[in-house]
Amino acid sequence: MSNKKKKKLTPAQQQYQKLAQEKEPQRAVLRNCIRAFISGGIICTIGQAIQYIFIKYFHFSEATAGNPTSAVVIIATVLLTGFGVFDHIAQWAGAGTAIPVTGFANSIASTAIEHKSEGYVLGVGGNMFKLAGSVITFGVFSAFIVGIIKITFKWLGGM
């Protein structure tokens, strides 16, 4: 809490804030970082293994194997979220499951599951992208801006 906000509190509220801060459990930062590193590495290794399978057995090139690999990882994440397994993995791994593809798939799937009781159109369809909508909008807008910059550089004779 900032010092300005602390000055506006009554003495009883300040005393409560101090007591709450003393009772708050300390976070094991190093342990959480190690868990995130290990779990993120395992997820990426699984993705690389899937990509290798597409290259070796389905004769994709390295350039074209990325899209089906992402699709398989997304489908696996959505299925694990639906069965409730991904929540347990995320509880242990913390930020390690926030790798963009798995974290994004989990956020959309869990929101869809949460709002299923409101109906498929207004519940699932209407609420599924509330959390992820800003990410999609930012990605599309950023791609548009980068495209404009690239076209401008080409037009000016660069790149």
N, C-alpha and C. Protein backbone atom coordinates (compact mmCIF):
# COMPACT_ATOMS: atom_id res chain seq x y z
N MET A 1 0.86 -1.17 0.00
CA MET A 1 0.00 0.00 0.00
C MET A 1 0.90 1.23 0.00
N SER A 2 0.54 2.25 -0.77
CA SER A 2 1.36 3.45 -0.87
C SER A 2 1.26 4.27 0.41
N ASN A 3 2.24 5.14 0.60
CA ASN A 3 2.27 5.98 1.80
C ASN A 3 1.10 6.95 1.84
N LYS A 4 0.64 7.44 0.68
CA LYS A 4 -0.51 8.35 0.65
C LYS A 4 -1.76 7.65 1.17
N LYS A 5 -1.95 6.43 0.75
CA LYS A 5 -3.13 5.68 1.19
C LYS A 5 -3.03 5.34 2.68
N LYS A 6 -1.80 5.04 3.15
CA LYS A 6 -1.62 4.72 4.57
C LYS A 6 -1.96 5.91 5.44
N LYS A 7 -1.64 7.14 4.98
CA LYS A 7 -1.91 8.34 5.77
C LYS A 7 -3.41 8.59 5.91
N LYS A 8 -4.20 8.14 4.92
CA LYS A 8 -5.64 8.35 4.95
C LYS A 8 -6.37 7.35 5.84
N LEU A 9 -5.70 6.29 6.26
CA LEU A 9 -6.32 5.27 7.09
C LEU A 9 -6.44 5.74 8.54
N THR A 10 -7.46 5.26 9.21
CA THR A 10 -7.60 5.55 10.64
C THR A 10 -6.56 4.74 11.40
N PRO A 11 -6.27 5.09 12.65
CA PRO A 11 -5.30 4.31 13.43
C PRO A 11 -5.66 2.83 13.54
N ALA A 12 -6.95 2.52 13.68
CA ALA A 12 -7.37 1.12 13.77
C ALA A 12 -7.10 0.40 12.44
N GLN A 13 -7.35 1.09 11.32
CA GLN A 13 -7.09 0.48 10.02
C GLN A 13 -5.59 0.28 9.79
N GLN A 14 -4.78 1.25 10.24
CA GLN A 14 -3.33 1.11 10.13
C GLN A 14 -2.83 -0.07 10.95
N GLN A 15 -3.37 -0.23 12.15
CA GLN A 15 -2.98 -1.34 13.01
C GLN A 15 -3.38 -2.67 12.36
N TYR A 16 -4.56 -2.72 11.76
CA TYR A 16 -5.00 -3.94 11.08
C TYR A 16 -4.08 -4.25 9.89
N GLN A 17 -3.71 -3.25 9.12
CA GLN A 17 -2.82 -3.46 7.98
C GLN A 17 -1.48 -4.02 8.44
N LYS A 18 -0.97 -3.50 9.55
CA LYS A 18 0.30 -3.98 10.08
C LYS A 18 0.18 -5.44 10.53
N LEU A 19 -0.92 -5.78 11.21
CA LEU A 19 -1.16 -7.14 11.67
C LEU A 19 -1.31 -8.09 10.48
N ALA A 20 -2.05 -7.67 9.46
CA ALA A 20 -2.25 -8.50 8.27
C ALA A 20 -0.92 -8.75 7.56
N GLN A 21 -0.08 -7.73 7.50
CA GLN A 21 1.22 -7.88 6.84
C GLN A 21 2.12 -8.84 7.61
N GLU A 22 2.05 -8.82 8.93
CA GLU A 22 2.86 -9.74 9.74
C GLU A 22 2.38 -11.18 9.59
N LYS A 23 1.08 -11.40 9.45
CA LYS A 23 0.51 -12.74 9.36
C LYS A 23 0.57 -13.33 7.95
N GLU A 24 0.83 -12.49 6.96
CA GLU A 24 0.86 -12.97 5.59
C GLU A 24 2.02 -13.95 5.41
N PRO A 25 1.74 -15.12 4.85
CA PRO A 25 2.81 -16.11 4.70
C PRO A 25 3.85 -15.65 3.66
N GLN A 26 5.09 -15.97 3.93
CA GLN A 26 6.17 -15.63 3.02
C GLN A 26 6.13 -16.58 1.83
N ARG A 27 6.39 -16.04 0.66
CA ARG A 27 6.39 -16.86 -0.55
C ARG A 27 7.77 -17.45 -0.76
N ALA A 28 7.79 -18.69 -1.20
CA ALA A 28 9.04 -19.37 -1.51
C ALA A 28 9.42 -19.02 -2.96
N VAL A 29 10.03 -17.88 -3.15
CA VAL A 29 10.29 -17.35 -4.49
C VAL A 29 11.24 -18.26 -5.26
N LEU A 30 12.32 -18.68 -4.65
CA LEU A 30 13.29 -19.53 -5.35
C LEU A 30 12.66 -20.86 -5.76
N ARG A 31 11.91 -21.48 -4.86
CA ARG A 31 11.23 -22.74 -5.18
C ARG A 31 10.24 -22.54 -6.32
N ASN A 32 9.48 -21.46 -6.29
CA ASN A 32 8.50 -21.19 -7.35
C ASN A 32 9.19 -20.95 -8.69
N CYS A 33 10.31 -20.26 -8.68
CA CYS A 33 11.06 -20.02 -9.91
C CYS A 33 11.59 -21.33 -10.49
N ILE A 34 12.10 -22.19 -9.63
CA ILE A 34 12.63 -23.49 -10.10
C ILE A 34 11.49 -24.34 -10.67
N ARG A 35 10.35 -24.37 -9.98
CA ARG A 35 9.21 -25.13 -10.48
C ARG A 35 8.74 -24.59 -11.84
N ALA A 36 8.67 -23.27 -11.96
CA ALA A 36 8.24 -22.67 -13.23
C ALA A 36 9.22 -22.99 -14.34
N PHE A 37 10.50 -22.93 -14.04
CA PHE A 37 11.53 -23.24 -15.03
C PHE A 37 11.43 -24.69 -15.49
N ILE A 38 11.29 -25.60 -14.53
CA ILE A 38 11.22 -27.04 -14.86
C ILE A 38 9.95 -27.34 -15.65
N SER A 39 8.80 -26.87 -15.18
CA SER A 39 7.55 -27.19 -15.87
C SER A 39 7.47 -26.53 -17.23
N GLY A 40 7.93 -25.29 -17.35
CA GLY A 40 7.96 -24.64 -18.66
C GLY A 40 8.88 -25.36 -19.61
N GLY A 41 10.01 -25.84 -19.10
CA GLY A 41 10.94 -26.60 -19.93
C GLY A 41 10.35 -27.92 -20.38
N ILE A 42 9.62 -28.58 -19.48
CA ILE A 42 8.98 -29.86 -19.85
C ILE A 42 7.92 -29.63 -20.93
N ILE A 43 7.12 -28.58 -20.78
CA ILE A 43 6.10 -28.28 -21.79
C ILE A 43 6.75 -27.99 -23.14
N CYS A 44 7.81 -27.21 -23.13
CA CYS A 44 8.51 -26.90 -24.39
C CYS A 44 9.17 -28.14 -24.99
N THR A 45 9.70 -29.02 -24.14
CA THR A 45 10.32 -30.26 -24.62
C THR A 45 9.26 -31.17 -25.26
N ILE A 46 8.09 -31.24 -24.65
CA ILE A 46 7.01 -32.01 -25.24
C ILE A 46 6.62 -31.42 -26.60
N GLY A 47 6.56 -30.11 -26.69
CA GLY A 47 6.27 -29.46 -27.96
C GLY A 47 7.32 -29.77 -29.01
N GLN A 48 8.59 -29.76 -28.61
CA GLN A 48 9.66 -30.10 -29.55
C GLN A 48 9.56 -31.55 -30.01
N ALA A 49 9.18 -32.44 -29.08
CA ALA A 49 9.02 -33.85 -29.44
C ALA A 49 7.88 -34.02 -30.45
N ILE A 50 6.78 -33.31 -30.23
CA ILE A 50 5.66 -33.37 -31.17
C ILE A 50 6.09 -32.83 -32.53
N GLN A 51 6.84 -31.75 -32.52
CA GLN A 51 7.33 -31.18 -33.79
C GLN A 51 8.25 -32.17 -34.50
N TYR A 52 9.10 -32.84 -33.76
CA TYR A 52 9.99 -33.86 -34.34
C TYR A 52 9.18 -34.99 -34.97
N ILE A 53 8.10 -35.39 -34.31
CA ILE A 53 7.24 -36.44 -34.87
C ILE A 53 6.65 -35.99 -36.20
N PHE A 54 6.19 -34.75 -36.27
CA PHE A 54 5.64 -34.24 -37.52
C PHE A 54 6.71 -34.19 -38.62
N ILE A 55 7.92 -33.84 -38.26
CA ILE A 55 9.00 -33.77 -39.25
C ILE A 55 9.42 -35.17 -39.68
N LYS A 56 9.62 -36.06 -38.73
CA LYS A 56 10.17 -37.38 -39.01
C LYS A 56 9.15 -38.31 -39.69
N TYR A 57 7.94 -38.37 -39.15
CA TYR A 57 6.98 -39.38 -39.60
C TYR A 57 5.93 -38.86 -40.59
N PHE A 58 5.68 -37.55 -40.57
CA PHE A 58 4.68 -37.00 -41.48
C PHE A 58 5.30 -36.13 -42.58
N HIS A 59 6.62 -36.08 -42.61
CA HIS A 59 7.40 -35.43 -43.67
C HIS A 59 7.09 -33.94 -43.82
N PHE A 60 6.90 -33.27 -42.70
CA PHE A 60 6.79 -31.82 -42.71
C PHE A 60 8.19 -31.23 -42.73
N SER A 61 8.31 -30.00 -43.20
CA SER A 61 9.60 -29.31 -43.08
C SER A 61 9.62 -28.61 -41.71
N GLU A 62 10.78 -28.11 -41.32
CA GLU A 62 10.85 -27.41 -40.04
C GLU A 62 9.97 -26.17 -40.05
N ALA A 63 9.84 -25.54 -41.20
CA ALA A 63 9.04 -24.33 -41.30
C ALA A 63 7.54 -24.62 -41.20
N THR A 64 7.11 -25.77 -41.70
CA THR A 64 5.67 -26.07 -41.71
C THR A 64 5.21 -26.91 -40.53
N ALA A 65 6.12 -27.45 -39.74
CA ALA A 65 5.73 -28.31 -38.62
C ALA A 65 5.24 -27.52 -37.41
N GLY A 66 5.49 -26.22 -37.38
CA GLY A 66 5.11 -25.42 -36.21
C GLY A 66 3.61 -25.30 -36.01
N ASN A 67 2.86 -25.09 -37.08
CA ASN A 67 1.42 -24.91 -36.94
C ASN A 67 0.70 -26.17 -36.43
N PRO A 68 0.94 -27.35 -37.00
CA PRO A 68 0.27 -28.52 -36.43
C PRO A 68 0.74 -28.84 -35.01
N THR A 69 1.99 -28.52 -34.71
CA THR A 69 2.49 -28.73 -33.35
C THR A 69 1.73 -27.86 -32.36
N SER A 70 1.55 -26.58 -32.71
CA SER A 70 0.77 -25.67 -31.86
C SER A 70 -0.65 -26.17 -31.69
N ALA A 71 -1.24 -26.67 -32.77
CA ALA A 71 -2.61 -27.17 -32.70
C ALA A 71 -2.72 -28.36 -31.75
N VAL A 72 -1.76 -29.27 -31.80
CA VAL A 72 -1.79 -30.44 -30.92
C VAL A 72 -1.62 -30.01 -29.46
N VAL A 73 -0.72 -29.07 -29.20
CA VAL A 73 -0.50 -28.59 -27.83
C VAL A 73 -1.75 -27.88 -27.32
N ILE A 74 -2.40 -27.10 -28.17
CA ILE A 74 -3.63 -26.41 -27.77
C ILE A 74 -4.73 -27.41 -27.46
N ILE A 75 -4.91 -28.41 -28.32
CA ILE A 75 -5.94 -29.42 -28.09
C ILE A 75 -5.66 -30.19 -26.81
N ALA A 76 -4.40 -30.55 -26.59
CA ALA A 76 -4.05 -31.28 -25.36
C ALA A 76 -4.33 -30.42 -24.12
N THR A 77 -4.01 -29.14 -24.18
CA THR A 77 -4.26 -28.24 -23.06
C THR A 77 -5.75 -28.10 -22.79
N VAL A 78 -6.54 -27.95 -23.84
CA VAL A 78 -7.98 -27.81 -23.67
C VAL A 78 -8.57 -29.09 -23.07
N LEU A 79 -8.12 -30.25 -23.54
CA LEU A 79 -8.61 -31.51 -22.98
C LEU A 79 -8.21 -31.64 -21.51
N LEU A 80 -6.97 -31.33 -21.20
CA LEU A 80 -6.52 -31.41 -19.80
C LEU A 80 -7.28 -30.42 -18.92
N THR A 81 -7.60 -29.24 -19.46
CA THR A 81 -8.41 -28.27 -18.70
C THR A 81 -9.81 -28.81 -18.49
N GLY A 82 -10.39 -29.39 -19.52
CA GLY A 82 -11.74 -29.93 -19.41
C GLY A 82 -11.85 -31.06 -18.40
N PHE A 83 -10.82 -31.88 -18.31
CA PHE A 83 -10.81 -32.99 -17.36
C PHE A 83 -10.35 -32.56 -15.97
N GLY A 84 -9.94 -31.31 -15.82
CA GLY A 84 -9.51 -30.80 -14.52
C GLY A 84 -8.07 -31.13 -14.15
N VAL A 85 -7.32 -31.69 -15.07
CA VAL A 85 -5.94 -32.07 -14.79
C VAL A 85 -5.01 -30.86 -14.86
N PHE A 86 -5.27 -29.96 -15.82
CA PHE A 86 -4.38 -28.81 -16.01
C PHE A 86 -4.36 -27.91 -14.79
N ASP A 87 -5.47 -27.83 -14.06
CA ASP A 87 -5.50 -27.02 -12.84
C ASP A 87 -4.50 -27.52 -11.81
N HIS A 88 -4.40 -28.84 -11.68
CA HIS A 88 -3.44 -29.41 -10.73
C HIS A 88 -2.00 -29.17 -11.19
N ILE A 89 -1.78 -29.28 -12.48
CA ILE A 89 -0.44 -29.01 -13.02
C ILE A 89 -0.08 -27.55 -12.78
N ALA A 90 -1.01 -26.65 -13.07
CA ALA A 90 -0.76 -25.22 -12.89
C ALA A 90 -0.58 -24.85 -11.42
N GLN A 91 -1.28 -25.54 -10.55
CA GLN A 91 -1.12 -25.28 -9.11
C GLN A 91 0.31 -25.56 -8.67
N TRP A 92 0.88 -26.65 -9.18
CA TRP A 92 2.24 -27.00 -8.81
C TRP A 92 3.26 -26.14 -9.57
N ALA A 93 3.03 -25.96 -10.87
CA ALA A 93 4.03 -25.33 -11.72
C ALA A 93 4.01 -23.81 -11.65
N GLY A 94 2.90 -23.22 -11.34
CA GLY A 94 2.81 -21.76 -11.28
C GLY A 94 2.96 -21.14 -12.65
N ALA A 95 3.89 -20.20 -12.76
CA ALA A 95 4.06 -19.44 -14.00
C ALA A 95 4.62 -20.29 -15.14
N GLY A 96 5.10 -21.47 -14.87
CA GLY A 96 5.64 -22.33 -15.92
C GLY A 96 4.60 -22.77 -16.92
N THR A 97 3.32 -22.78 -16.53
CA THR A 97 2.26 -23.15 -17.46
C THR A 97 1.75 -21.95 -18.25
N ALA A 98 2.30 -20.80 -18.00
CA ALA A 98 1.86 -19.59 -18.70
C ALA A 98 2.56 -19.41 -20.03
N ILE A 99 3.22 -20.45 -20.51
CA ILE A 99 3.80 -20.39 -21.85
C ILE A 99 2.66 -20.00 -22.77
N PRO A 100 2.87 -19.05 -23.67
CA PRO A 100 1.73 -18.45 -24.38
C PRO A 100 0.69 -19.41 -24.93
N VAL A 101 1.07 -20.50 -25.56
CA VAL A 101 0.07 -21.38 -26.18
C VAL A 101 -0.76 -22.09 -25.12
N THR A 102 -0.11 -22.68 -24.12
CA THR A 102 -0.85 -23.43 -23.11
C THR A 102 -1.65 -22.51 -22.19
N GLY A 103 -1.06 -21.40 -21.79
CA GLY A 103 -1.76 -20.46 -20.92
C GLY A 103 -2.98 -19.86 -21.58
N PHE A 104 -2.85 -19.52 -22.86
CA PHE A 104 -3.95 -18.93 -23.60
C PHE A 104 -5.07 -19.95 -23.81
N ALA A 105 -4.70 -21.17 -24.17
CA ALA A 105 -5.72 -22.22 -24.37
C ALA A 105 -6.43 -22.52 -23.06
N ASN A 106 -5.70 -22.56 -21.96
CA ASN A 106 -6.31 -22.82 -20.65
C ASN A 106 -7.26 -21.69 -20.26
N SER A 107 -6.87 -20.45 -20.50
CA SER A 107 -7.73 -19.32 -20.11
C SER A 107 -9.04 -19.33 -20.88
N ILE A 108 -9.00 -19.63 -22.17
CA ILE A 108 -10.23 -19.66 -22.96
C ILE A 108 -11.09 -20.86 -22.57
N ALA A 109 -10.47 -22.03 -22.43
CA ALA A 109 -11.24 -23.24 -22.10
C ALA A 109 -11.87 -23.15 -20.71
N SER A 110 -11.12 -22.66 -19.73
CA SER A 110 -11.67 -22.59 -18.38
C SER A 110 -12.80 -21.57 -18.28
N THR A 111 -12.70 -20.47 -19.03
CA THR A 111 -13.79 -19.49 -19.04
C THR A 111 -15.02 -20.08 -19.71
N ALA A 112 -14.83 -20.83 -20.80
CA ALA A 112 -15.95 -21.47 -21.48
C ALA A 112 -16.64 -22.48 -20.56
N ILE A 113 -15.86 -23.26 -19.83
CA ILE A 113 -16.41 -24.26 -18.90
C ILE A 113 -17.18 -23.56 -17.77
N GLU A 114 -16.61 -22.48 -17.28
CA GLU A 114 -17.22 -21.76 -16.17
C GLU A 114 -18.59 -21.19 -16.53
N HIS A 115 -18.76 -20.72 -17.77
CA HIS A 115 -20.00 -20.06 -18.16
C HIS A 115 -20.93 -20.97 -18.97
N LYS A 116 -20.67 -22.27 -18.98
CA LYS A 116 -21.50 -23.21 -19.73
C LYS A 116 -22.93 -23.24 -19.22
N SER A 117 -23.13 -23.03 -17.93
CA SER A 117 -24.46 -23.09 -17.35
C SER A 117 -25.37 -21.96 -17.84
N GLU A 118 -24.78 -20.90 -18.39
CA GLU A 118 -25.57 -19.77 -18.89
C GLU A 118 -26.03 -19.99 -20.33
N GLY A 119 -25.67 -21.11 -20.92
CA GLY A 119 -26.06 -21.41 -22.29
C GLY A 119 -24.86 -21.34 -23.21
N TYR A 120 -25.00 -21.97 -24.36
CA TYR A 120 -23.87 -22.04 -25.27
C TYR A 120 -23.62 -20.71 -26.00
N VAL A 121 -24.66 -19.99 -26.35
CA VAL A 121 -24.47 -18.75 -27.12
C VAL A 121 -24.08 -17.62 -26.19
N LEU A 122 -24.93 -17.31 -25.22
CA LEU A 122 -24.67 -16.17 -24.34
C LEU A 122 -23.65 -16.50 -23.25
N GLY A 123 -23.62 -17.73 -22.80
CA GLY A 123 -22.68 -18.11 -21.75
C GLY A 123 -21.30 -18.38 -22.29
N VAL A 124 -21.17 -19.44 -23.07
CA VAL A 124 -19.86 -19.83 -23.60
C VAL A 124 -19.38 -18.83 -24.63
N GLY A 125 -20.22 -18.58 -25.64
CA GLY A 125 -19.80 -17.69 -26.73
C GLY A 125 -19.59 -16.26 -26.28
N GLY A 126 -20.43 -15.78 -25.38
CA GLY A 126 -20.32 -14.39 -24.94
C GLY A 126 -19.22 -14.13 -23.94
N ASN A 127 -18.87 -15.11 -23.15
CA ASN A 127 -17.89 -14.90 -22.08
C ASN A 127 -16.52 -15.53 -22.35
N MET A 128 -16.45 -16.38 -23.36
CA MET A 128 -15.21 -17.11 -23.59
C MET A 128 -14.03 -16.18 -23.89
N PHE A 129 -14.28 -15.11 -24.60
CA PHE A 129 -13.19 -14.23 -25.01
C PHE A 129 -13.07 -12.97 -24.15
N LYS A 130 -13.79 -12.91 -23.03
CA LYS A 130 -13.64 -11.75 -22.16
C LYS A 130 -12.22 -11.60 -21.66
N LEU A 131 -11.66 -12.70 -21.19
CA LEU A 131 -10.30 -12.67 -20.67
C LEU A 131 -9.28 -12.59 -21.80
N ALA A 132 -9.50 -13.37 -22.83
CA ALA A 132 -8.52 -13.47 -23.91
C ALA A 132 -8.73 -12.43 -25.00
N GLY A 133 -9.85 -11.75 -25.00
CA GLY A 133 -10.16 -10.78 -26.05
C GLY A 133 -9.14 -9.66 -26.15
N SER A 134 -8.69 -9.17 -25.02
CA SER A 134 -7.70 -8.09 -25.05
C SER A 134 -6.38 -8.58 -25.63
N VAL A 135 -6.02 -9.82 -25.36
CA VAL A 135 -4.79 -10.37 -25.92
C VAL A 135 -4.90 -10.51 -27.43
N ILE A 136 -6.04 -10.99 -27.90
CA ILE A 136 -6.26 -11.13 -29.34
C ILE A 136 -6.25 -9.76 -30.00
N THR A 137 -6.93 -8.80 -29.40
CA THR A 137 -6.98 -7.45 -29.96
C THR A 137 -5.59 -6.83 -30.02
N PHE A 138 -4.82 -6.96 -28.95
CA PHE A 138 -3.46 -6.41 -28.94
C PHE A 138 -2.60 -7.09 -30.00
N GLY A 139 -2.72 -8.41 -30.15
CA GLY A 139 -1.93 -9.13 -31.14
C GLY A 139 -2.26 -8.69 -32.56
N VAL A 140 -3.55 -8.55 -32.86
CA VAL A 140 -3.96 -8.13 -34.20
C VAL A 140 -3.50 -6.70 -34.47
N PHE A 141 -3.70 -5.82 -33.50
CA PHE A 141 -3.29 -4.42 -33.66
C PHE A 141 -1.77 -4.31 -33.83
N SER A 142 -1.02 -5.05 -33.02
CA SER A 142 0.44 -5.02 -33.13
C SER A 142 0.91 -5.53 -34.49
N ALA A 143 0.29 -6.61 -34.97
CA ALA A 143 0.64 -7.14 -36.29
C ALA A 143 0.33 -6.12 -37.37
N PHE A 144 -0.77 -5.39 -37.24
CA PHE A 144 -1.12 -4.35 -38.21
C PHE A 144 -0.06 -3.25 -38.22
N ILE A 145 0.34 -2.79 -37.04
CA ILE A 145 1.34 -1.72 -36.95
C ILE A 145 2.69 -2.18 -37.51
N VAL A 146 3.11 -3.39 -37.17
CA VAL A 146 4.37 -3.92 -37.69
C VAL A 146 4.31 -4.06 -39.21
N GLY A 147 3.15 -4.48 -39.73
CA GLY A 147 2.98 -4.59 -41.18
C GLY A 147 3.08 -3.24 -41.86
N ILE A 148 2.49 -2.21 -41.27
CA ILE A 148 2.58 -0.85 -41.82
C ILE A 148 4.03 -0.38 -41.82
N ILE A 149 4.75 -0.63 -40.73
CA ILE A 149 6.15 -0.22 -40.65
C ILE A 149 6.98 -0.94 -41.70
N LYS A 150 6.74 -2.23 -41.87
CA LYS A 150 7.49 -3.01 -42.86
C LYS A 150 7.21 -2.51 -44.27
N ILE A 151 5.95 -2.26 -44.59
CA ILE A 151 5.59 -1.74 -45.91
C ILE A 151 6.23 -0.38 -46.14
N THR A 152 6.25 0.45 -45.10
CA THR A 152 6.86 1.78 -45.22
C THR A 152 8.35 1.65 -45.50
N PHE A 153 9.03 0.76 -44.78
CA PHE A 153 10.46 0.56 -45.03
C PHE A 153 10.72 0.07 -46.45
N LYS A 154 9.90 -0.86 -46.91
CA LYS A 154 10.07 -1.36 -48.29
C LYS A 154 9.82 -0.25 -49.30
N TRP A 155 8.83 0.57 -49.04
CA TRP A 155 8.49 1.66 -49.93
C TRP A 155 9.62 2.69 -50.00
N LEU A 156 10.28 2.89 -48.85
CA LEU A 156 11.39 3.84 -48.81
C LEU A 156 12.69 3.23 -49.34
N GLY A 157 12.67 1.96 -49.71
CA GLY A 157 13.85 1.33 -50.30
C GLY A 157 14.69 0.54 -49.34
N GLY A 158 14.27 0.37 -48.12
CA GLY A 158 15.03 -0.41 -47.16
C GLY A 158 14.57 -1.84 -47.11
N MET A 159 15.26 -2.65 -46.35
CA MET A 159 14.96 -4.07 -46.12
C MET A 159 14.89 -4.80 -47.42
